[in-house]
Amino acid sequence: MLNKKNCLKKKKDFEKVIKKGEKVEKAFLVLKFLENSLIDVTRIGFVVSHKISKKASSRNQIKRRLREIIKNNLINLKPGYDLIFFTKRGIKEKDFSEMEKIVKQVLKRANLEKNIE
C-alpha cells in the first residue's frame, strides 16, 4: 500500500492533471503527469474503467498490482509530480512481471526516473 502522502485523491487534482498534464502511452497503459506544488512529494492515482472489467474485484486487483509496482519503484521517481495511470484493454491478461516492465518503460519515456550515477 502506498503512503497517504503519495496518493492522489481529490477530484480537482485529477482534473488538473488530466487537462494540463503531459501524456505518455505504451501498450495497455497511459500515463498523464504534471508538476505539482509539493516539492518533495510525488502523488499517484490509478484509473481502471468498466471497459477493462465489469467486476470490481478484477479492477481492484489491477489497481493493487499497479500500486505495488509503484511502491517498489517510488524511491527511483523524481519528486514533485502528480501521476495518473490509465489502463487500457488487455491489461487484465498480463501478469505482474509484464505489468512492471511496461510501467518502468512508461516512466522512463516520461523522464520521471531519477538519474542514478
N, C-alpha and C. Protein backbone atom coordinates (compact mmCIF):
# COMPACT_ATOMS: atom_id res chain seq x y z
N MET A 1 0.83 -1.18 0.00
CA MET A 1 0.00 0.00 0.00
C MET A 1 0.88 1.25 0.00
N LEU A 2 0.49 2.22 -0.77
CA LEU A 2 1.22 3.49 -0.81
C LEU A 2 0.91 4.32 0.42
N ASN A 3 1.85 5.17 0.82
CA ASN A 3 1.60 6.11 1.90
C ASN A 3 0.51 7.08 1.47
N LYS A 4 -0.20 7.63 2.46
CA LYS A 4 -1.27 8.58 2.15
C LYS A 4 -0.74 9.81 1.43
N LYS A 5 0.47 10.24 1.79
CA LYS A 5 1.02 11.43 1.14
C LYS A 5 1.32 11.21 -0.33
N ASN A 6 1.45 9.95 -0.75
CA ASN A 6 1.74 9.63 -2.14
C ASN A 6 0.50 9.30 -2.97
N CYS A 7 -0.69 9.46 -2.38
CA CYS A 7 -1.93 9.15 -3.09
C CYS A 7 -2.58 10.42 -3.61
N LEU A 8 -2.96 10.37 -4.85
CA LEU A 8 -3.69 11.47 -5.48
C LEU A 8 -5.17 11.13 -5.33
N LYS A 9 -5.91 11.93 -4.57
CA LYS A 9 -7.28 11.56 -4.25
C LYS A 9 -8.33 12.58 -4.66
N LYS A 10 -8.03 13.85 -4.58
CA LYS A 10 -9.05 14.87 -4.81
C LYS A 10 -9.42 14.98 -6.29
N LYS A 11 -10.70 15.15 -6.53
CA LYS A 11 -11.22 15.26 -7.90
C LYS A 11 -10.57 16.42 -8.65
N LYS A 12 -10.39 17.55 -7.97
CA LYS A 12 -9.80 18.72 -8.63
C LYS A 12 -8.35 18.46 -9.03
N ASP A 13 -7.62 17.67 -8.24
CA ASP A 13 -6.24 17.31 -8.60
C ASP A 13 -6.22 16.40 -9.82
N PHE A 14 -7.14 15.43 -9.86
CA PHE A 14 -7.24 14.56 -11.03
C PHE A 14 -7.55 15.38 -12.28
N GLU A 15 -8.54 16.27 -12.17
CA GLU A 15 -8.94 17.08 -13.32
C GLU A 15 -7.80 17.97 -13.82
N LYS A 16 -7.03 18.53 -12.89
CA LYS A 16 -5.91 19.39 -13.26
C LYS A 16 -4.86 18.61 -14.06
N VAL A 17 -4.53 17.41 -13.59
CA VAL A 17 -3.54 16.59 -14.30
C VAL A 17 -4.08 16.15 -15.66
N ILE A 18 -5.34 15.78 -15.70
CA ILE A 18 -5.93 15.34 -16.97
C ILE A 18 -5.95 16.47 -18.00
N LYS A 19 -6.30 17.68 -17.57
CA LYS A 19 -6.40 18.81 -18.50
C LYS A 19 -5.04 19.36 -18.92
N LYS A 20 -4.13 19.52 -17.96
CA LYS A 20 -2.88 20.22 -18.24
C LYS A 20 -1.66 19.32 -18.36
N GLY A 21 -1.79 18.06 -17.99
CA GLY A 21 -0.63 17.17 -17.93
C GLY A 21 -0.16 16.67 -19.28
N GLU A 22 1.09 16.21 -19.30
CA GLU A 22 1.66 15.58 -20.49
C GLU A 22 1.27 14.11 -20.50
N LYS A 23 1.28 13.51 -21.69
CA LYS A 23 0.80 12.14 -21.84
C LYS A 23 1.86 11.25 -22.47
N VAL A 24 2.00 10.04 -21.91
CA VAL A 24 2.89 9.02 -22.46
C VAL A 24 2.09 7.72 -22.52
N GLU A 25 2.17 7.03 -23.67
CA GLU A 25 1.43 5.80 -23.87
C GLU A 25 2.36 4.64 -24.19
N LYS A 26 1.99 3.48 -23.70
CA LYS A 26 2.74 2.26 -24.03
C LYS A 26 1.81 1.08 -23.83
N ALA A 27 1.61 0.30 -24.85
CA ALA A 27 0.81 -0.93 -24.82
C ALA A 27 -0.55 -0.70 -24.15
N PHE A 28 -0.73 -1.21 -22.94
CA PHE A 28 -2.02 -1.15 -22.26
C PHE A 28 -2.06 -0.10 -21.16
N LEU A 29 -1.13 0.84 -21.18
CA LEU A 29 -1.03 1.82 -20.11
C LEU A 29 -0.83 3.23 -20.66
N VAL A 30 -1.52 4.20 -20.07
CA VAL A 30 -1.35 5.60 -20.41
C VAL A 30 -0.99 6.33 -19.12
N LEU A 31 0.03 7.17 -19.19
CA LEU A 31 0.44 7.96 -18.04
C LEU A 31 0.26 9.43 -18.36
N LYS A 32 -0.46 10.13 -17.48
CA LYS A 32 -0.55 11.59 -17.57
C LYS A 32 0.16 12.12 -16.33
N PHE A 33 1.01 13.12 -16.52
CA PHE A 33 1.78 13.64 -15.39
C PHE A 33 1.91 15.15 -15.49
N LEU A 34 2.07 15.77 -14.33
CA LEU A 34 2.15 17.22 -14.21
C LEU A 34 2.93 17.55 -12.96
N GLU A 35 3.76 18.58 -13.05
CA GLU A 35 4.48 19.02 -11.84
C GLU A 35 3.48 19.56 -10.84
N ASN A 36 3.71 19.25 -9.55
CA ASN A 36 2.83 19.78 -8.52
C ASN A 36 3.55 20.82 -7.68
N SER A 37 2.83 21.45 -6.80
CA SER A 37 3.42 22.49 -5.96
C SER A 37 4.14 21.91 -4.74
N LEU A 38 4.01 20.62 -4.53
CA LEU A 38 4.69 19.95 -3.43
C LEU A 38 6.08 19.54 -3.92
N ILE A 39 7.09 20.16 -3.38
CA ILE A 39 8.45 19.99 -3.90
C ILE A 39 9.00 18.58 -3.71
N ASP A 40 8.70 17.96 -2.58
CA ASP A 40 9.35 16.68 -2.28
C ASP A 40 8.41 15.48 -2.31
N VAL A 41 7.19 15.64 -2.85
CA VAL A 41 6.22 14.54 -2.84
C VAL A 41 5.72 14.27 -4.25
N THR A 42 5.73 13.00 -4.62
CA THR A 42 5.12 12.56 -5.86
C THR A 42 3.83 11.84 -5.49
N ARG A 43 2.72 12.29 -6.09
CA ARG A 43 1.42 11.68 -5.81
C ARG A 43 0.97 10.89 -7.03
N ILE A 44 0.36 9.74 -6.76
CA ILE A 44 -0.01 8.84 -7.83
C ILE A 44 -1.48 8.46 -7.72
N GLY A 45 -2.16 8.41 -8.86
CA GLY A 45 -3.54 7.95 -8.93
C GLY A 45 -3.68 6.90 -10.03
N PHE A 46 -4.71 6.08 -9.90
CA PHE A 46 -4.93 5.00 -10.87
C PHE A 46 -6.38 5.02 -11.33
N VAL A 47 -6.59 4.81 -12.63
CA VAL A 47 -7.93 4.75 -13.19
C VAL A 47 -8.06 3.45 -13.97
N VAL A 48 -9.00 2.61 -13.53
CA VAL A 48 -9.30 1.37 -14.24
C VAL A 48 -10.79 1.40 -14.54
N SER A 49 -11.15 1.55 -15.79
CA SER A 49 -12.55 1.76 -16.16
C SER A 49 -13.33 0.45 -16.25
N HIS A 50 -14.64 0.61 -16.38
CA HIS A 50 -15.53 -0.54 -16.55
C HIS A 50 -15.27 -1.27 -17.86
N LYS A 51 -14.63 -0.59 -18.81
CA LYS A 51 -14.31 -1.24 -20.09
C LYS A 51 -13.30 -2.36 -19.90
N ILE A 52 -12.46 -2.23 -18.88
CA ILE A 52 -11.45 -3.26 -18.61
C ILE A 52 -12.11 -4.51 -18.06
N SER A 53 -13.00 -4.32 -17.09
CA SER A 53 -13.74 -5.43 -16.49
C SER A 53 -14.98 -4.89 -15.82
N LYS A 54 -16.05 -5.62 -15.92
CA LYS A 54 -17.29 -5.23 -15.25
C LYS A 54 -17.21 -5.54 -13.75
N LYS A 55 -16.34 -6.45 -13.39
CA LYS A 55 -16.23 -6.88 -11.98
C LYS A 55 -15.29 -5.95 -11.21
N ALA A 56 -15.79 -5.43 -10.10
CA ALA A 56 -14.98 -4.55 -9.25
C ALA A 56 -13.76 -5.29 -8.71
N SER A 57 -13.90 -6.57 -8.43
CA SER A 57 -12.77 -7.33 -7.88
C SER A 57 -11.61 -7.38 -8.88
N SER A 58 -11.90 -7.51 -10.16
CA SER A 58 -10.85 -7.53 -11.18
C SER A 58 -10.19 -6.16 -11.32
N ARG A 59 -11.01 -5.11 -11.30
CA ARG A 59 -10.46 -3.76 -11.39
C ARG A 59 -9.58 -3.45 -10.18
N ASN A 60 -10.04 -3.85 -9.01
CA ASN A 60 -9.27 -3.62 -7.79
C ASN A 60 -7.96 -4.42 -7.79
N GLN A 61 -7.99 -5.62 -8.34
CA GLN A 61 -6.76 -6.42 -8.43
C GLN A 61 -5.73 -5.72 -9.31
N ILE A 62 -6.17 -5.16 -10.41
CA ILE A 62 -5.27 -4.44 -11.30
C ILE A 62 -4.67 -3.23 -10.57
N LYS A 63 -5.52 -2.49 -9.86
CA LYS A 63 -5.02 -1.33 -9.10
C LYS A 63 -4.03 -1.75 -8.02
N ARG A 64 -4.31 -2.85 -7.33
CA ARG A 64 -3.38 -3.34 -6.30
C ARG A 64 -2.02 -3.68 -6.90
N ARG A 65 -2.04 -4.32 -8.05
CA ARG A 65 -0.77 -4.67 -8.72
C ARG A 65 0.00 -3.41 -9.11
N LEU A 66 -0.69 -2.45 -9.70
CA LEU A 66 -0.03 -1.21 -10.10
C LEU A 66 0.52 -0.46 -8.89
N ARG A 67 -0.24 -0.42 -7.80
CA ARG A 67 0.24 0.24 -6.58
C ARG A 67 1.50 -0.42 -6.06
N GLU A 68 1.54 -1.74 -6.08
CA GLU A 68 2.71 -2.46 -5.58
C GLU A 68 3.93 -2.17 -6.46
N ILE A 69 3.73 -2.13 -7.76
CA ILE A 69 4.83 -1.81 -8.68
C ILE A 69 5.37 -0.41 -8.39
N ILE A 70 4.47 0.55 -8.22
CA ILE A 70 4.89 1.92 -7.93
C ILE A 70 5.56 2.00 -6.57
N LYS A 71 5.02 1.31 -5.58
CA LYS A 71 5.61 1.34 -4.24
C LYS A 71 7.05 0.83 -4.27
N ASN A 72 7.29 -0.21 -5.05
CA ASN A 72 8.65 -0.77 -5.16
C ASN A 72 9.60 0.16 -5.91
N ASN A 73 9.07 1.03 -6.75
CA ASN A 73 9.91 1.92 -7.56
C ASN A 73 9.81 3.39 -7.15
N LEU A 74 9.14 3.67 -6.05
CA LEU A 74 8.91 5.05 -5.63
C LEU A 74 10.21 5.81 -5.35
N ILE A 75 11.20 5.14 -4.81
CA ILE A 75 12.47 5.82 -4.50
C ILE A 75 13.22 6.22 -5.76
N ASN A 76 12.87 5.60 -6.89
CA ASN A 76 13.53 5.91 -8.16
C ASN A 76 12.83 7.02 -8.93
N LEU A 77 11.70 7.52 -8.41
CA LEU A 77 10.94 8.56 -9.12
C LEU A 77 11.37 9.95 -8.68
N LYS A 78 11.36 10.87 -9.64
CA LYS A 78 11.65 12.27 -9.32
C LYS A 78 10.52 12.81 -8.46
N PRO A 79 10.84 13.56 -7.41
CA PRO A 79 9.78 14.13 -6.56
C PRO A 79 9.16 15.36 -7.21
N GLY A 80 7.95 15.69 -6.75
CA GLY A 80 7.30 16.92 -7.20
C GLY A 80 6.39 16.76 -8.40
N TYR A 81 5.86 15.56 -8.62
CA TYR A 81 4.97 15.32 -9.76
C TYR A 81 3.68 14.64 -9.30
N ASP A 82 2.61 14.89 -10.04
CA ASP A 82 1.37 14.15 -9.89
C ASP A 82 1.26 13.23 -11.10
N LEU A 83 1.02 11.96 -10.86
CA LEU A 83 0.93 10.96 -11.93
C LEU A 83 -0.43 10.29 -11.90
N ILE A 84 -1.00 10.05 -13.05
CA ILE A 84 -2.23 9.25 -13.14
C ILE A 84 -1.99 8.18 -14.19
N PHE A 85 -2.19 6.93 -13.79
CA PHE A 85 -2.08 5.80 -14.70
C PHE A 85 -3.48 5.39 -15.14
N PHE A 86 -3.72 5.41 -16.45
CA PHE A 86 -4.97 4.94 -17.04
C PHE A 86 -4.69 3.60 -17.70
N THR A 87 -5.56 2.65 -17.47
CA THR A 87 -5.36 1.33 -18.07
C THR A 87 -6.20 1.20 -19.34
N LYS A 88 -5.74 0.32 -20.22
CA LYS A 88 -6.45 0.05 -21.46
C LYS A 88 -6.75 -1.44 -21.53
N ARG A 89 -7.57 -1.79 -22.49
CA ARG A 89 -7.91 -3.21 -22.65
C ARG A 89 -6.66 -4.04 -22.87
N GLY A 90 -6.66 -5.23 -22.30
CA GLY A 90 -5.53 -6.14 -22.44
C GLY A 90 -4.71 -6.24 -21.17
N ILE A 91 -4.88 -5.32 -20.24
CA ILE A 91 -4.09 -5.35 -19.01
C ILE A 91 -4.51 -6.51 -18.12
N LYS A 92 -5.75 -6.91 -18.22
CA LYS A 92 -6.26 -7.98 -17.36
C LYS A 92 -5.54 -9.30 -17.61
N GLU A 93 -5.08 -9.50 -18.83
CA GLU A 93 -4.43 -10.75 -19.19
C GLU A 93 -2.94 -10.77 -18.83
N LYS A 94 -2.38 -9.62 -18.46
CA LYS A 94 -0.94 -9.52 -18.18
C LYS A 94 -0.63 -9.98 -16.76
N ASP A 95 0.52 -10.59 -16.60
CA ASP A 95 0.94 -10.95 -15.24
C ASP A 95 1.76 -9.82 -14.63
N PHE A 96 2.13 -9.98 -13.38
CA PHE A 96 2.78 -8.92 -12.62
C PHE A 96 4.08 -8.45 -13.28
N SER A 97 4.91 -9.38 -13.72
CA SER A 97 6.21 -9.01 -14.29
C SER A 97 6.06 -8.22 -15.60
N GLU A 98 5.07 -8.59 -16.41
CA GLU A 98 4.82 -7.85 -17.65
C GLU A 98 4.34 -6.43 -17.34
N MET A 99 3.46 -6.33 -16.35
CA MET A 99 2.96 -5.01 -15.94
C MET A 99 4.10 -4.15 -15.44
N GLU A 100 4.98 -4.73 -14.63
CA GLU A 100 6.11 -3.99 -14.07
C GLU A 100 7.03 -3.47 -15.17
N LYS A 101 7.28 -4.30 -16.15
CA LYS A 101 8.14 -3.93 -17.27
C LYS A 101 7.56 -2.73 -18.04
N ILE A 102 6.26 -2.77 -18.31
CA ILE A 102 5.60 -1.69 -19.04
C ILE A 102 5.58 -0.40 -18.22
N VAL A 103 5.31 -0.51 -16.92
CA VAL A 103 5.28 0.68 -16.06
C VAL A 103 6.66 1.35 -16.06
N LYS A 104 7.71 0.55 -15.94
CA LYS A 104 9.07 1.11 -15.95
C LYS A 104 9.38 1.79 -17.28
N GLN A 105 8.94 1.20 -18.39
CA GLN A 105 9.16 1.79 -19.70
C GLN A 105 8.43 3.12 -19.84
N VAL A 106 7.21 3.17 -19.34
CA VAL A 106 6.42 4.41 -19.41
C VAL A 106 7.08 5.50 -18.57
N LEU A 107 7.53 5.15 -17.37
CA LEU A 107 8.17 6.14 -16.51
C LEU A 107 9.48 6.65 -17.12
N LYS A 108 10.21 5.74 -17.77
CA LYS A 108 11.47 6.13 -18.41
C LYS A 108 11.19 7.06 -19.59
N ARG A 109 10.18 6.73 -20.39
CA ARG A 109 9.83 7.55 -21.54
C ARG A 109 9.37 8.94 -21.11
N ALA A 110 8.71 9.02 -19.94
CA ALA A 110 8.23 10.31 -19.42
C ALA A 110 9.34 11.08 -18.72
N ASN A 111 10.51 10.47 -18.60
CA ASN A 111 11.67 11.09 -17.95
C ASN A 111 11.36 11.43 -16.48
N LEU A 112 10.72 10.49 -15.79
CA LEU A 112 10.35 10.69 -14.38
C LEU A 112 11.24 9.90 -13.42
N GLU A 113 12.23 9.20 -13.96
CA GLU A 113 13.14 8.45 -13.10
C GLU A 113 14.32 9.33 -12.72
N LYS A 114 14.78 9.14 -11.49
CA LYS A 114 15.97 9.88 -11.04
C LYS A 114 17.19 9.40 -11.81
N ASN A 115 18.11 10.30 -12.03
CA ASN A 115 19.37 9.92 -12.65
C ASN A 115 20.29 9.37 -11.57
N ILE A 116 20.47 8.07 -11.58
CA ILE A 116 21.32 7.43 -10.58
C ILE A 116 22.71 7.24 -11.16
N GLU A 117 23.66 7.89 -10.57
CA GLU A 117 25.04 7.80 -11.10
C GLU A 117 25.99 7.44 -10.00
